[in-house]
Protein backbone atom coordinates (compact mmCIF):
# COMPACT_ATOMS: atom_id res chain seq x y z
CA MET A 1 0.02 0.01 0.00
CA SER A 2 1.31 3.40 -0.96
CA GLU A 3 1.69 6.32 1.55
CA MET A 4 0.25 9.79 0.87
CA SER A 5 3.81 11.16 0.62
CA ASP A 6 4.72 8.75 -2.22
CA PRO A 7 4.56 10.07 -5.76
CA THR A 8 1.33 9.71 -7.57
CA GLN A 9 0.97 6.53 -9.58
CA LYS A 10 -2.00 7.43 -11.85
CA ALA A 11 -3.46 10.55 -13.45
CA VAL A 12 -6.97 10.78 -14.89
CA ALA A 13 -8.51 13.62 -16.83
CA VAL A 14 -11.57 15.01 -15.05
CA THR A 15 -14.78 16.16 -16.67
CA ALA A 16 -16.67 18.26 -14.08
CA SER A 17 -19.93 16.54 -13.15
CA ASP A 18 -22.41 16.93 -10.37
CA SER A 19 -22.73 13.11 -10.19
CA THR A 20 -19.63 11.34 -11.57
CA SER A 21 -17.44 10.06 -8.72
CA LEU A 22 -13.71 10.51 -8.62
CA LEU A 23 -13.25 7.48 -6.35
CA LEU A 24 -10.82 4.93 -7.72
CA ASN A 25 -10.87 1.53 -5.96
CA GLY A 26 -12.92 3.28 -3.26
CA GLN A 27 -10.30 6.07 -2.69
CA PRO A 28 -10.42 9.77 -3.61
CA PRO A 29 -7.53 11.24 -5.52
CA ARG A 30 -4.43 12.46 -3.63
CA ALA A 31 -4.59 15.86 -5.33
CA ILE A 32 -6.23 17.79 -8.10
CA TYR A 33 -4.29 19.59 -10.88
CA VAL A 34 -5.91 22.61 -12.50
CA GLY A 35 -4.43 23.19 -15.94
CA THR A 36 -6.46 26.29 -16.95
CA GLY A 37 -7.40 28.47 -13.99
CA GLY A 38 -10.77 29.50 -12.76
CA ASN A 39 -13.24 28.45 -10.07
CA LEU A 40 -13.25 24.81 -8.83
CA ASN A 41 -16.27 23.53 -6.94
CA VAL A 42 -15.61 20.23 -5.14
CA ARG A 43 -17.55 17.90 -2.83
CA PHE A 44 -15.81 15.84 -0.21
CA GLY A 45 -16.70 12.39 1.25
CA ASP A 46 -18.63 14.00 4.11
CA ASP A 47 -20.87 15.83 1.62
CA THR A 48 -19.36 19.26 2.35
CA SER A 49 -18.79 21.39 -0.77
CA VAL A 50 -16.16 24.08 -1.21
CA LEU A 51 -15.80 26.61 -4.08
CA PHE A 52 -12.18 27.48 -4.63
CA THR A 53 -12.18 30.79 -6.49
CA ALA A 54 -9.58 32.16 -8.94
CA VAL A 55 -7.42 29.04 -8.86
CA PRO A 56 -4.35 29.88 -11.00
CA SER A 57 -3.45 27.82 -14.01
CA GLY A 58 -0.95 25.04 -13.21
CA THR A 59 -1.98 24.69 -9.59
CA VAL A 60 -1.90 21.37 -7.72
CA LEU A 61 -4.41 21.39 -4.86
CA PRO A 62 -3.64 18.89 -2.11
CA ILE A 63 -7.30 18.03 -1.64
CA ARG A 64 -9.12 14.67 -1.76
CA PRO A 65 -12.65 15.34 -3.16
CA ARG A 66 -15.07 12.66 -4.37
CA LEU A 67 -16.57 15.02 -6.96
CA VAL A 68 -15.51 17.99 -9.05
CA MET A 69 -18.86 19.66 -9.55
CA SER A 70 -19.88 21.10 -12.87
CA THR A 71 -21.99 23.70 -11.07
CA SER A 72 -19.89 26.84 -10.64
CA THR A 73 -16.69 25.24 -11.91
CA THR A 74 -15.05 27.36 -14.60
CA ALA A 75 -11.53 25.85 -14.42
CA THR A 76 -10.61 23.36 -17.15
CA ALA A 77 -7.90 20.83 -17.97
CA ILE A 78 -8.46 19.30 -14.58
CA VAL A 79 -6.62 16.08 -13.70
CA ALA A 80 -7.12 13.82 -10.68
CA LEU A 81 -3.79 12.46 -9.25
CA TYR A 82 -3.90 9.11 -7.49
């Protein structure tokens, strides 16, 4: 089993969706990469949602959401890192 401090082993392009889960083998991603900046609306496993505003292009957010919501998300080129 890998540790959170280990390098990521998989990257998956994300299409923002209010219903498509990011869980892979039951686990959320280790981080989210935002290729083209904007707002990023995410939902975590406990059903709390957070809108990150004005995320710069090329940012890696060390967050573990279960969804990247399409509602209010304007950022693009999003990648989930596992």
